[in-house]
Amino acid sequence: DDDTEETTTTTTRVIDDAIQVSDQEAVNMAHLLLKHEGLFVGSSSAMNVVGAVKWANECEVVKGGGDEKEDIVVVTVICDGGYRHLTRFWNREFVEGWGLTWPCDDAEEEEEDGHDVK
């Protein structure tokens, strides 16, 4: 007799939908989260947040035929930090080497506009 019991930690489920997120969207979101929320996230977290925002925008529901929109709550996971991604995702040369655009910070934007940043 085999008294061992098999336990399942995950269940198989059909995926209802998927949201496509580009590398550029992830880079942009990571910089936005750092600048506006103080969150230094990795690429997976940035992609999760982009997907959550896209899904929330798709799910906006208008109440009773009027212009007022119903509030919804969307939850996602911030699953990785930026410190593990310093040589790639947070490395400007690496990002630009893949043909992506590095989001400018305020000082760089002002410099490009010809304004003195001092």
PDB file of N, CA and C in Angstrom:
ATOM      1  N   ASP A   1       0.828  -1.191   0.000  1.00  0.00           N
ATOM      2  CA  ASP A   1       0.000   0.000   0.000  1.00  0.00           C
ATOM      3  C   ASP A   1       0.873   1.256   0.000  1.00  0.00           C
ATOM      4  N   ASP A   2       0.518   2.175  -0.864  1.00  0.00           N
ATOM      5  CA  ASP A   2       1.222   3.453  -0.919  1.00  0.00           C
ATOM      6  C   ASP A   2       0.360   4.492  -0.212  1.00  0.00           C
ATOM      7  N   ASP A   3       0.808   4.920   0.963  1.00  0.00           N
ATOM      8  CA  ASP A   3       0.035   5.875   1.754  1.00  0.00           C
ATOM      9  C   ASP A   3       0.349   7.329   1.398  1.00  0.00           C
ATOM     10  N   THR A   4       1.197   7.551   0.407  1.00  0.00           N
ATOM     11  CA  THR A   4       1.528   8.932   0.046  1.00  0.00           C
ATOM     12  C   THR A   4       0.358   9.558  -0.691  1.00  0.00           C
ATOM     13  N   GLU A   5       0.168  10.812  -0.397  1.00  0.00           N
ATOM     14  CA  GLU A   5      -0.926  11.543  -1.012  1.00  0.00           C
ATOM     15  C   GLU A   5      -0.355  12.619  -1.931  1.00  0.00           C
ATOM     16  N   GLU A   6      -0.909  12.704  -3.089  1.00  0.00           N
ATOM     17  CA  GLU A   6      -0.455  13.735  -4.007  1.00  0.00           C
ATOM     18  C   GLU A   6      -1.252  15.002  -3.758  1.00  0.00           C
ATOM     19  N   THR A   7      -0.562  16.120  -3.603  1.00  0.00           N
ATOM     20  CA  THR A   7      -1.257  17.391  -3.428  1.00  0.00           C
ATOM     21  C   THR A   7      -1.016  18.270  -4.640  1.00  0.00           C
ATOM     22  N   THR A   8      -2.007  18.986  -4.972  1.00  0.00           N
ATOM     23  CA  THR A   8      -1.906  19.901  -6.107  1.00  0.00           C
ATOM     24  C   THR A   8      -1.872  21.321  -5.569  1.00  0.00           C
ATOM     25  N   THR A   9      -0.843  22.050  -5.923  1.00  0.00           N
ATOM     26  CA  THR A   9      -0.728  23.429  -5.446  1.00  0.00           C
ATOM     27  C   THR A   9      -1.330  24.422  -6.430  1.00  0.00           C
ATOM     28  N   THR A  10      -1.548  23.989  -7.625  1.00  0.00           N
ATOM     29  CA  THR A  10      -2.184  24.863  -8.610  1.00  0.00           C
ATOM     30  C   THR A  10      -3.281  24.090  -9.315  1.00  0.00           C
ATOM     31  N   THR A  11      -4.202  24.816  -9.837  1.00  0.00           N
ATOM     32  CA  THR A  11      -5.246  24.176 -10.619  1.00  0.00           C
ATOM     33  C   THR A  11      -5.121  24.647 -12.054  1.00  0.00           C
ATOM     34  N   THR A  12      -5.473  23.775 -12.945  1.00  0.00           N
ATOM     35  CA  THR A  12      -5.424  24.128 -14.356  1.00  0.00           C
ATOM     36  C   THR A  12      -6.711  24.865 -14.689  1.00  0.00           C
ATOM     37  N   ARG A  13      -6.550  25.992 -15.328  1.00  0.00           N
ATOM     38  CA  ARG A  13      -7.701  26.807 -15.662  1.00  0.00           C
ATOM     39  C   ARG A  13      -7.524  27.364 -17.062  1.00  0.00           C
ATOM     40  N   VAL A  14      -8.598  27.529 -17.762  1.00  0.00           N
ATOM     41  CA  VAL A  14      -8.556  28.109 -19.090  1.00  0.00           C
ATOM     42  C   VAL A  14      -8.357  29.616 -18.952  1.00  0.00           C
ATOM     43  N   ILE A  15      -7.449  30.153 -19.727  1.00  0.00           N
ATOM     44  CA  ILE A  15      -7.218  31.600 -19.707  1.00  0.00           C
ATOM     45  C   ILE A  15      -8.297  32.254 -20.546  1.00  0.00           C
ATOM     46  N   ASP A  16      -9.003  33.201 -19.932  1.00  0.00           N
ATOM     47  CA  ASP A  16     -10.101  33.880 -20.622  1.00  0.00           C
ATOM     48  C   ASP A  16      -9.617  34.927 -21.610  1.00  0.00           C
ATOM     49  N   ASP A  17      -8.536  35.584 -21.274  1.00  0.00           N
ATOM     50  CA  ASP A  17      -8.078  36.691 -22.108  1.00  0.00           C
ATOM     51  C   ASP A  17      -6.607  36.954 -21.806  1.00  0.00           C
ATOM     52  N   ALA A  18      -5.963  37.645 -22.695  1.00  0.00           N
ATOM     53  CA  ALA A  18      -4.578  38.061 -22.496  1.00  0.00           C
ATOM     54  C   ALA A  18      -4.439  39.484 -23.003  1.00  0.00           C
ATOM     55  N   ILE A  19      -3.562  40.231 -22.391  1.00  0.00           N
ATOM     56  CA  ILE A  19      -3.318  41.613 -22.793  1.00  0.00           C
ATOM     57  C   ILE A  19      -1.872  41.719 -23.246  1.00  0.00           C
ATOM     58  N   GLN A  20      -1.684  42.200 -24.451  1.00  0.00           N
ATOM     59  CA  GLN A  20      -0.339  42.340 -25.004  1.00  0.00           C
ATOM     60  C   GLN A  20       0.293  43.632 -24.495  1.00  0.00           C
ATOM     61  N   VAL A  21       1.521  43.521 -24.022  1.00  0.00           N
ATOM     62  CA  VAL A  21       2.276  44.666 -23.511  1.00  0.00           C
ATOM     63  C   VAL A  21       3.610  44.692 -24.233  1.00  0.00           C
ATOM     64  N   SER A  22       3.948  45.832 -24.818  1.00  0.00           N
ATOM     65  CA  SER A  22       5.225  45.942 -25.529  1.00  0.00           C
ATOM     66  C   SER A  22       6.357  46.243 -24.547  1.00  0.00           C
ATOM     67  N   ASP A  23       7.567  45.972 -24.974  1.00  0.00           N
ATOM     68  CA  ASP A  23       8.738  46.304 -24.165  1.00  0.00           C
ATOM     69  C   ASP A  23       8.787  47.798 -23.881  1.00  0.00           C
ATOM     70  N   GLN A  24       8.448  48.609 -24.886  1.00  0.00           N
ATOM     71  CA  GLN A  24       8.488  50.064 -24.702  1.00  0.00           C
ATOM     72  C   GLN A  24       7.475  50.510 -23.653  1.00  0.00           C
ATOM     73  N   GLU A  25       6.291  49.919 -23.664  1.00  0.00           N
ATOM     74  CA  GLU A  25       5.292  50.261 -22.652  1.00  0.00           C
ATOM     75  C   GLU A  25       5.790  49.909 -21.255  1.00  0.00           C
ATOM     76  N   ALA A  26       6.477  48.776 -21.128  1.00  0.00           N
ATOM     77  CA  ALA A  26       7.005  48.364 -19.827  1.00  0.00           C
ATOM     78  C   ALA A  26       8.088  49.332 -19.342  1.00  0.00           C
ATOM     79  N   VAL A  27       8.992  49.714 -20.235  1.00  0.00           N
ATOM     80  CA  VAL A  27      10.048  50.675 -19.872  1.00  0.00           C
ATOM     81  C   VAL A  27       9.414  51.999 -19.440  1.00  0.00           C
ATOM     82  N   ASN A  28       8.451  52.487 -20.221  1.00  0.00           N
ATOM     83  CA  ASN A  28       7.789  53.752 -19.881  1.00  0.00           C
ATOM     84  C   ASN A  28       7.097  53.677 -18.525  1.00  0.00           C
ATOM     85  N   MET A  29       6.397  52.557 -18.270  1.00  0.00           N
ATOM     86  CA  MET A  29       5.674  52.414 -17.011  1.00  0.00           C
ATOM     87  C   MET A  29       6.636  52.338 -15.830  1.00  0.00           C
ATOM     88  N   ALA A  30       7.748  51.636 -15.988  1.00  0.00           N
ATOM     89  CA  ALA A  30       8.725  51.539 -14.896  1.00  0.00           C
ATOM     90  C   ALA A  30       9.234  52.922 -14.516  1.00  0.00           C
ATOM     91  N   HIS A  31       9.516  53.753 -15.497  1.00  0.00           N
ATOM     92  CA  HIS A  31       9.999  55.105 -15.226  1.00  0.00           C
ATOM     93  C   HIS A  31       8.904  55.966 -14.602  1.00  0.00           C
ATOM     94  N   LEU A  32       7.676  55.793 -15.067  1.00  0.00           N
ATOM     95  CA  LEU A  32       6.550  56.531 -14.495  1.00  0.00           C
ATOM     96  C   LEU A  32       6.344  56.132 -13.032  1.00  0.00           C
ATOM     97  N   LEU A  33       6.405  54.833 -12.737  1.00  0.00           N
ATOM     98  CA  LEU A  33       6.227  54.374 -11.358  1.00  0.00           C
ATOM     99  C   LEU A  33       7.330  54.898 -10.445  1.00  0.00           C
ATOM    100  N   LEU A  34       8.555  54.962 -10.955  1.00  0.00           N
ATOM    101  CA  LEU A  34       9.656  55.489 -10.146  1.00  0.00           C
ATOM    102  C   LEU A  34       9.460  56.978  -9.887  1.00  0.00           C
ATOM    103  N   LYS A  35       9.152  57.714 -10.931  1.00  0.00           N
ATOM    104  CA  LYS A  35       9.031  59.173 -10.823  1.00  0.00           C
ATOM    105  C   LYS A  35       7.826  59.605  -9.981  1.00  0.00           C
ATOM    106  N   HIS A  36       6.674  58.971 -10.195  1.00  0.00           N
ATOM    107  CA  HIS A  36       5.441  59.451  -9.564  1.00  0.00           C
ATOM    108  C   HIS A  36       5.020  58.675  -8.319  1.00  0.00           C
ATOM    109  N   GLU A  37       5.463  57.435  -8.184  1.00  0.00           N
ATOM    110  CA  GLU A  37       5.045  56.618  -7.041  1.00  0.00           C
ATOM    111  C   GLU A  37       6.211  56.209  -6.147  1.00  0.00           C
ATOM    112  N   GLY A  38       7.451  56.451  -6.596  1.00  0.00           N
ATOM    113  CA  GLY A  38       8.609  56.058  -5.811  1.00  0.00           C
ATOM    114  C   GLY A  38       8.844  54.558  -5.788  1.00  0.00           C
ATOM    115  N   LEU A  39       8.314  53.842  -6.791  1.00  0.00           N
ATOM    116  CA  LEU A  39       8.464  52.389  -6.870  1.00  0.00           C
ATOM    117  C   LEU A  39       9.523  52.051  -7.906  1.00  0.00           C
ATOM    118  N   PHE A  40      10.577  51.391  -7.485  1.00  0.00           N
ATOM    119  CA  PHE A  40      11.673  50.981  -8.361  1.00  0.00           C
ATOM    120  C   PHE A  40      11.429  49.521  -8.721  1.00  0.00           C
ATOM    121  N   VAL A  41      10.737  49.297  -9.834  1.00  0.00           N
ATOM    122  CA  VAL A  41      10.264  47.959 -10.189  1.00  0.00           C
ATOM    123  C   VAL A  41      11.077  47.351 -11.318  1.00  0.00           C
ATOM    124  N   GLY A  42      10.965  46.045 -11.449  1.00  0.00           N
ATOM    125  CA  GLY A  42      11.581  45.324 -12.550  1.00  0.00           C
ATOM    126  C   GLY A  42      10.631  45.215 -13.723  1.00  0.00           C
ATOM    127  N   SER A  43      11.070  44.538 -14.761  1.00  0.00           N
ATOM    128  CA  SER A  43      10.298  44.455 -16.001  1.00  0.00           C
ATOM    129  C   SER A  43       8.983  43.705 -15.828  1.00  0.00           C
ATOM    130  N   SER A  44       8.962  42.650 -15.035  1.00  0.00           N
ATOM    131  CA  SER A  44       7.711  41.888 -14.854  1.00  0.00           C
ATOM    132  C   SER A  44       6.658  42.728 -14.148  1.00  0.00           C
ATOM    133  N   SER A  45       7.057  43.445 -13.126  1.00  0.00           N
ATOM    134  CA  SER A  45       6.118  44.322 -12.424  1.00  0.00           C
ATOM    135  C   SER A  45       5.595  45.418 -13.342  1.00  0.00           C
ATOM    136  N   ALA A  46       6.489  46.010 -14.119  1.00  0.00           N
ATOM    137  CA  ALA A  46       6.076  47.070 -15.044  1.00  0.00           C
ATOM    138  C   ALA A  46       5.054  46.535 -16.040  1.00  0.00           C
ATOM    139  N   MET A  47       5.303  45.333 -16.563  1.00  0.00           N
ATOM    140  CA  MET A  47       4.357  44.729 -17.510  1.00  0.00           C
ATOM    141  C   MET A  47       3.021  44.435 -16.825  1.00  0.00           C
ATOM    142  N   ASN A  48       3.049  43.968 -15.579  1.00  0.00           N
ATOM    143  CA  ASN A  48       1.807  43.709 -14.851  1.00  0.00           C
ATOM    144  C   ASN A  48       0.989  44.982 -14.687  1.00  0.00           C
ATOM    145  N   VAL A  49       1.645  46.079 -14.359  1.00  0.00           N
ATOM    146  CA  VAL A  49       0.928  47.341 -14.157  1.00  0.00           C
ATOM    147  C   VAL A  49       0.359  47.851 -15.486  1.00  0.00           C
ATOM    148  N   VAL A  50       1.125  47.768 -16.564  1.00  0.00           N
ATOM    149  CA  VAL A  50       0.608  48.177 -17.879  1.00  0.00           C
ATOM    150  C   VAL A  50      -0.630  47.351 -18.215  1.00  0.00           C
ATOM    151  N   GLY A  51      -0.547  46.047 -18.020  1.00  0.00           N
ATOM    152  CA  GLY A  51      -1.694  45.178 -18.302  1.00  0.00           C
ATOM    153  C   GLY A  51      -2.900  45.536 -17.456  1.00  0.00           C
ATOM    154  N   ALA A  52      -2.681  45.839 -16.183  1.00  0.00           N
ATOM    155  CA  ALA A  52      -3.780  46.210 -15.290  1.00  0.00           C
ATOM    156  C   ALA A  52      -4.432  47.518 -15.733  1.00  0.00           C
ATOM    157  N   VAL A  53      -3.617  48.485 -16.135  1.00  0.00           N
ATOM    158  CA  VAL A  53      -4.153  49.775 -16.599  1.00  0.00           C
ATOM    159  C   VAL A  53      -4.944  49.581 -17.891  1.00  0.00           C
ATOM    160  N   LYS A  54      -4.402  48.807 -18.817  1.00  0.00           N
ATOM    161  CA  LYS A  54      -5.114  48.547 -20.074  1.00  0.00           C
ATOM    162  C   LYS A  54      -6.444  47.852 -19.803  1.00  0.00           C
ATOM    163  N   TRP A  55      -6.429  46.854 -18.923  1.00  0.00           N
ATOM    164  CA  TRP A  55      -7.646  46.119 -18.618  1.00  0.00           C
ATOM    165  C   TRP A  55      -8.669  47.026 -17.950  1.00  0.00           C
ATOM    166  N   ALA A  56      -8.217  47.871 -17.022  1.00  0.00           N
ATOM    167  CA  ALA A  56      -9.119  48.804 -16.344  1.00  0.00           C
ATOM    168  C   ALA A  56      -9.760  49.756 -17.346  1.00  0.00           C
ATOM    169  N   ASN A  57      -8.973  50.236 -18.299  1.00  0.00           N
ATOM    170  CA  ASN A  57      -9.521  51.131 -19.317  1.00  0.00           C
ATOM    171  C   ASN A  57     -10.553  50.431 -20.191  1.00  0.00           C
ATOM    172  N   GLU A  58     -10.337  49.151 -20.472  1.00  0.00           N
ATOM    173  CA  GLU A  58     -11.288  48.383 -21.268  1.00  0.00           C
ATOM    174  C   GLU A  58     -12.567  48.085 -20.497  1.00  0.00           C
ATOM    175  N   CYS A  59     -12.482  48.043 -19.181  1.00  0.00           N
ATOM    176  CA  CYS A  59     -13.618  47.641 -18.346  1.00  0.00           C
ATOM    177  C   CYS A  59     -14.451  48.807 -17.844  1.00  0.00           C
ATOM    178  N   GLU A  60     -14.139  50.008 -18.238  1.00  0.00           N
ATOM    179  CA  GLU A  60     -14.926  51.146 -17.785  1.00  0.00           C
ATOM    180  C   GLU A  60     -16.389  50.924 -18.159  1.00  0.00           C
ATOM    181  N   VAL A  61     -17.246  51.084 -17.168  1.00  0.00           N
ATOM    182  CA  VAL A  61     -18.673  50.849 -17.369  1.00  0.00           C
ATOM    183  C   VAL A  61     -19.408  52.158 -17.135  1.00  0.00           C
ATOM    184  N   VAL A  62     -20.284  52.504 -18.061  1.00  0.00           N
ATOM    185  CA  VAL A  62     -21.092  53.710 -17.920  1.00  0.00           C
ATOM    186  C   VAL A  62     -22.369  53.335 -17.185  1.00  0.00           C
ATOM    187  N   LYS A  63     -22.701  54.105 -16.127  1.00  0.00           N
ATOM    188  CA  LYS A  63     -23.907  53.850 -15.334  1.00  0.00           C
ATOM    189  C   LYS A  63     -25.148  54.329 -16.066  1.00  0.00           C
ATOM    190  N   GLY A  64     -26.174  53.528 -16.060  1.00  0.00           N
ATOM    191  CA  GLY A  64     -27.522  53.905 -16.498  1.00  0.00           C
ATOM    192  C   GLY A  64     -27.636  54.766 -17.729  1.00  0.00           C
ATOM    193  N   GLY A  65     -26.782  54.575 -18.705  1.00  0.00           N
ATOM    194  CA  GLY A  65     -26.919  55.313 -19.952  1.00  0.00           C
ATOM    195  C   GLY A  65     -26.415  56.745 -19.897  1.00  0.00           C
ATOM    196  N   GLY A  66     -25.964  57.203 -18.720  1.00  0.00           N
ATOM    197  CA  GLY A  66     -25.468  58.573 -18.603  1.00  0.00           C
ATOM    198  C   GLY A  66     -23.981  58.654 -18.853  1.00  0.00           C
ATOM    199  N   ASP A  67     -23.407  59.799 -18.490  1.00  0.00           N
ATOM    200  CA  ASP A  67     -21.965  59.991 -18.668  1.00  0.00           C
ATOM    201  C   ASP A  67     -21.157  59.554 -17.455  1.00  0.00           C
ATOM    202  N   GLU A  68     -21.830  59.276 -16.329  1.00  0.00           N
ATOM    203  CA  GLU A  68     -21.124  58.904 -15.107  1.00  0.00           C
ATOM    204  C   GLU A  68     -20.624  57.466 -15.204  1.00  0.00           C
ATOM    205  N   LYS A  69     -19.347  57.279 -14.880  1.00  0.00           N
ATOM    206  CA  LYS A  69     -18.756  55.951 -14.974  1.00  0.00           C
ATOM    207  C   LYS A  69     -18.728  55.283 -13.613  1.00  0.00           C
ATOM    208  N   GLU A  70     -18.949  53.984 -13.616  1.00  0.00           N
ATOM    209  CA  GLU A  70     -18.921  53.190 -12.394  1.00  0.00           C
ATOM    210  C   GLU A  70     -17.474  52.915 -11.997  1.00  0.00           C
ATOM    211  N   ASP A  71     -17.195  53.008 -10.696  1.00  0.00           N
ATOM    212  CA  ASP A  71     -15.855  52.720 -10.201  1.00  0.00           C
ATOM    213  C   ASP A  71     -15.581  51.221 -10.263  1.00  0.00           C
ATOM    214  N   ILE A  72     -14.359  50.871 -10.634  1.00  0.00           N
ATOM    215  CA  ILE A  72     -13.939  49.476 -10.608  1.00  0.00           C
ATOM    216  C   ILE A  72     -12.630  49.390  -9.838  1.00  0.00           C
ATOM    217  N   VAL A  73     -12.328  48.223  -9.337  1.00  0.00           N
ATOM    218  CA  VAL A  73     -11.085  47.987  -8.617  1.00  0.00           C
ATOM    219  C   VAL A  73     -10.309  46.927  -9.380  1.00  0.00           C
ATOM    220  N   VAL A  74      -9.042  47.224  -9.659  1.00  0.00           N
ATOM    221  CA  VAL A  74      -8.162  46.279 -10.353  1.00  0.00           C
ATOM    222  C   VAL A  74      -6.957  46.046  -9.449  1.00  0.00           C
ATOM    223  N   VAL A  75      -6.567  44.796  -9.289  1.00  0.00           N
ATOM    224  CA  VAL A  75      -5.431  44.439  -8.451  1.00  0.00           C
ATOM    225  C   VAL A  75      -4.399  43.722  -9.319  1.00  0.00           C
ATOM    226  N   THR A  76      -3.131  44.061  -9.132  1.00  0.00           N
ATOM    227  CA  THR A  76      -2.057  43.348  -9.821  1.00  0.00           C
ATOM    228  C   THR A  76      -0.927  43.099  -8.825  1.00  0.00           C
ATOM    229  N   VAL A  77       0.090  42.427  -9.266  1.00  0.00           N
ATOM    230  CA  VAL A  77       1.195  42.058  -8.387  1.00  0.00           C
ATOM    231  C   VAL A  77       2.464  42.795  -8.802  1.00  0.00           C
ATOM    232  N   ILE A  78       3.100  43.436  -7.836  1.00  0.00           N
ATOM    233  CA  ILE A  78       4.423  44.018  -8.031  1.00  0.00           C
ATOM    234  C   ILE A  78       5.387  42.927  -7.563  1.00  0.00           C
ATOM    235  N   CYS A  79       5.912  42.175  -8.522  1.00  0.00           N
ATOM    236  CA  CYS A  79       6.592  40.919  -8.190  1.00  0.00           C
ATOM    237  C   CYS A  79       8.115  40.980  -8.261  1.00  0.00           C
ATOM    238  N   ASP A  80       8.678  42.075  -8.747  1.00  0.00           N
ATOM    239  CA  ASP A  80      10.134  42.162  -8.808  1.00  0.00           C
ATOM    240  C   ASP A  80      10.584  43.610  -8.653  1.00  0.00           C
ATOM    241  N   GLY A  81      11.762  43.759  -8.090  1.00  0.00           N
ATOM    242  CA  GLY A  81      12.319  45.089  -7.883  1.00  0.00           C
ATOM    243  C   GLY A  81      13.345  45.427  -8.955  1.00  0.00           C
ATOM    244  N   GLY A  82      13.609  46.700  -9.116  1.00  0.00           N
ATOM    245  CA  GLY A  82      14.530  47.166 -10.132  1.00  0.00           C
ATOM    246  C   GLY A  82      15.981  46.811  -9.878  1.00  0.00           C
ATOM    247  N   TYR A  83      16.349  46.552  -8.624  1.00  0.00           N
ATOM    248  CA  TYR A  83      17.752  46.272  -8.303  1.00  0.00           C
ATOM    249  C   TYR A  83      18.287  45.028  -9.007  1.00  0.00           C
ATOM    250  N   ARG A  84      17.415  44.095  -9.313  1.00  0.00           N
ATOM    251  CA  ARG A  84      17.856  42.881 -10.009  1.00  0.00           C
ATOM    252  C   ARG A  84      17.933  43.088 -11.516  1.00  0.00           C
ATOM    253  N   HIS A  85      17.596  44.279 -11.973  1.00  0.00           N
ATOM    254  CA  HIS A  85      17.544  44.558 -13.408  1.00  0.00           C
ATOM    255  C   HIS A  85      18.442  45.729 -13.818  1.00  0.00           C
ATOM    256  N   LEU A  86      19.453  46.017 -13.019  1.00  0.00           N
ATOM    257  CA  LEU A  86      20.300  47.186 -13.273  1.00  0.00           C
ATOM    258  C   LEU A  86      21.117  47.065 -14.555  1.00  0.00           C
ATOM    259  N   THR A  87      21.526  45.886 -14.942  1.00  0.00           N
ATOM    260  CA  THR A  87      22.401  45.741 -16.109  1.00  0.00           C
ATOM    261  C   THR A  87      21.635  45.631 -17.419  1.00  0.00           C
ATOM    262  N   ARG A  88      20.326  45.447 -17.342  1.00  0.00           N
ATOM    263  CA  ARG A  88      19.548  45.305 -18.576  1.00  0.00           C
ATOM    264  C   ARG A  88      18.380  46.295 -18.614  1.00  0.00           C
ATOM    265  N   PHE A  89      17.317  46.003 -17.907  1.00  0.00           N
ATOM    266  CA  PHE A  89      16.095  46.801 -17.969  1.00  0.00           C
ATOM    267  C   PHE A  89      16.309  48.247 -17.514  1.00  0.00           C
ATOM    268  N   TRP A  90      17.174  48.465 -16.543  1.00  0.00           N
ATOM    269  CA  TRP A  90      17.462  49.815 -16.054  1.00  0.00           C
ATOM    270  C   TRP A  90      18.802  50.342 -16.574  1.00  0.00           C
ATOM    271  N   ASN A  91      19.307  49.772 -17.646  1.00  0.00           N
ATOM    272  CA  ASN A  91      20.560  50.220 -18.251  1.00  0.00           C
ATOM    273  C   ASN A  91      20.219  50.912 -19.574  1.00  0.00           C
ATOM    274  N   ARG A  92      20.461  52.208 -19.618  1.00  0.00           N
ATOM    275  CA  ARG A  92      20.081  53.002 -20.786  1.00  0.00           C
ATOM    276  C   ARG A  92      20.697  52.462 -22.085  1.00  0.00           C
ATOM    277  N   GLU A  93      21.994  52.148 -22.067  1.00  0.00           N
ATOM    278  CA  GLU A  93      22.654  51.640 -23.280  1.00  0.00           C
ATOM    279  C   GLU A  93      22.016  50.339 -23.750  1.00  0.00           C
ATOM    280  N   PHE A  94      21.711  49.447 -22.813  1.00  0.00           N
ATOM    281  CA  PHE A  94      21.100  48.168 -23.167  1.00  0.00           C
ATOM    282  C   PHE A  94      19.712  48.389 -23.787  1.00  0.00           C
ATOM    283  N   VAL A  95      18.905  49.222 -23.147  1.00  0.00           N
ATOM    284  CA  VAL A  95      17.543  49.496 -23.622  1.00  0.00           C
ATOM    285  C   VAL A  95      17.569  50.122 -25.013  1.00  0.00           C
ATOM    286  N   GLU A  96      18.411  51.122 -25.188  1.00  0.00           N
ATOM    287  CA  GLU A  96      18.505  51.775 -26.497  1.00  0.00           C
ATOM    288  C   GLU A  96      19.102  50.842 -27.543  1.00  0.00           C
ATOM    289  N   GLY A  97      19.982  49.929 -27.121  1.00  0.00           N
ATOM    290  CA  GLY A  97      20.556  48.936 -28.021  1.00  0.00           C
ATOM    291  C   GLY A  97      19.512  47.989 -28.595  1.00  0.00           C
ATOM    292  N   TRP A  98      18.408  47.829 -27.914  1.00  0.00           N
ATOM    293  CA  TRP A  98      17.305  46.996 -28.402  1.00  0.00           C
ATOM    294  C   TRP A  98      16.314  47.810 -29.239  1.00  0.00           C
ATOM    295  N   GLY A  99      16.683  49.066 -29.521  1.00  0.00           N
ATOM    296  CA  GLY A  99      15.820  49.897 -30.361  1.00  0.00           C
ATOM    297  C   GLY A  99      14.692  50.567 -29.616  1.00  0.00           C
ATOM    298  N   LEU A 100      14.764  50.578 -28.291  1.00  0.00           N
ATOM    299  CA  LEU A 100      13.726  51.223 -27.491  1.00  0.00           C
ATOM    300  C   LEU A 100      14.163  52.631 -27.123  1.00  0.00           C
ATOM    301  N   THR A 101      13.212  53.445 -26.735  1.00  0.00           N
ATOM    302  CA  THR A 101      13.490  54.823 -26.336  1.00  0.00           C
ATOM    303  C   THR A 101      13.578  54.896 -24.823  1.00  0.00           C
ATOM    304  N   TRP A 102      14.632  55.528 -24.328  1.00  0.00           N
ATOM    305  CA  TRP A 102      14.800  55.738 -22.893  1.00  0.00           C
ATOM    306  C   TRP A 102      13.964  56.948 -22.489  1.00  0.00           C
ATOM    307  N   PRO A 103      13.032  56.790 -21.563  1.00  0.00           N
ATOM    308  CA  PRO A 103      12.216  57.937 -21.137  1.00  0.00           C
ATOM    309  C   PRO A 103      13.096  59.015 -20.520  1.00  0.00           C
ATOM    310  N   CYS A 104      12.871  60.258 -20.897  1.00  0.00           N
ATOM    311  CA  CYS A 104      13.671  61.378 -20.387  1.00  0.00           C
ATOM    312  C   CYS A 104      13.193  61.776 -19.005  1.00  0.00           C
ATOM    313  N   ASP A 105      14.128  62.214 -18.183  1.00  0.00           N
ATOM    314  CA  ASP A 105      13.730  62.800 -16.913  1.00  0.00           C
ATOM    315  C   ASP A 105      13.590  64.306 -17.115  1.00  0.00           C
ATOM    316  N   ASP A 106      13.090  65.016 -16.111  1.00  0.00           N
ATOM    317  CA  ASP A 106      12.820  66.450 -16.241  1.00  0.00           C
ATOM    318  C   ASP A 106      14.060  67.242 -16.636  1.00  0.00           C
ATOM    319  N   ALA A 107      15.217  66.931 -16.064  1.00  0.00           N
ATOM    320  CA  ALA A 107      16.443  67.679 -16.365  1.00  0.00           C
ATOM    321  C   ALA A 107      16.828  67.509 -17.825  1.00  0.00           C
ATOM    322  N   GLU A 108      16.715  66.280 -18.345  1.00  0.00           N
ATOM    323  CA  GLU A 108      17.058  66.033 -19.748  1.00  0.00           C
ATOM    324  C   GLU A 108      16.075  66.745 -20.677  1.00  0.00           C
ATOM    325  N   GLU A 109      14.784  66.746 -20.318  1.00  0.00           N
ATOM    326  CA  GLU A 109      13.780  67.415 -21.148  1.00  0.00           C
ATOM    327  C   GLU A 109      14.050  68.910 -21.224  1.00  0.00           C
ATOM    328  N   GLU A 110      14.385  69.518 -20.079  1.00  0.00           N
ATOM    329  CA  GLU A 110      14.663  70.950 -20.059  1.00  0.00           C
ATOM    330  C   GLU A 110      15.917  71.267 -20.854  1.00  0.00           C
ATOM    331  N   GLU A 111      16.945  70.408 -20.734  1.00  0.00           N
ATOM    332  CA  GLU A 111      18.181  70.601 -21.491  1.00  0.00           C
ATOM    333  C   GLU A 111      17.901  70.566 -22.988  1.00  0.00           C
ATOM    334  N   GLU A 112      17.093  69.585 -23.422  1.00  0.00           N
ATOM    335  CA  GLU A 112      16.770  69.442 -24.835  1.00  0.00           C
ATOM    336  C   GLU A 112      15.978  70.624 -25.350  1.00  0.00           C
ATOM    337  N   ASP A 113      15.159  71.234 -24.465  1.00  0.00           N
ATOM    338  CA  ASP A 113      14.356  72.396 -24.851  1.00  0.00           C
ATOM    339  C   ASP A 113      15.184  73.682 -24.844  1.00  0.00           C
ATOM    340  N   GLY A 114      16.448  73.601 -24.416  1.00  0.00           N
ATOM    341  CA  GLY A 114      17.303  74.771 -24.402  1.00  0.00           C
ATOM    342  C   GLY A 114      17.187  75.589 -23.123  1.00  0.00           C
ATOM    343  N   HIS A 115      16.465  75.080 -22.135  1.00  0.00           N
ATOM    344  CA  HIS A 115      16.334  75.788 -20.861  1.00  0.00           C
ATOM    345  C   HIS A 115      17.484  75.415 -19.940  1.00  0.00           C
ATOM    346  N   ASP A 116      17.890  76.362 -19.122  1.00  0.00           N
ATOM    347  CA  ASP A 116      18.955  76.113 -18.162  1.00  0.00           C
ATOM    348  C   ASP A 116      18.380  75.317 -16.995  1.00  0.00           C
ATOM    349  N   VAL A 117      19.033  74.223 -16.639  1.00  0.00           N
ATOM    350  CA  VAL A 117      18.537  73.367 -15.570  1.00  0.00           C
ATOM    351  C   VAL A 117      19.224  73.629 -14.234  1.00  0.00           C
ATOM    352  N   LYS A 118      20.092  74.614 -14.173  1.00  0.00           N
ATOM    353  CA  LYS A 118      20.820  74.903 -12.925  1.00  0.00           C
ATOM    354  C   LYS A 118      19.974  75.691 -11.967  1.00  0.00           C
TER     355      LYS A 118
END
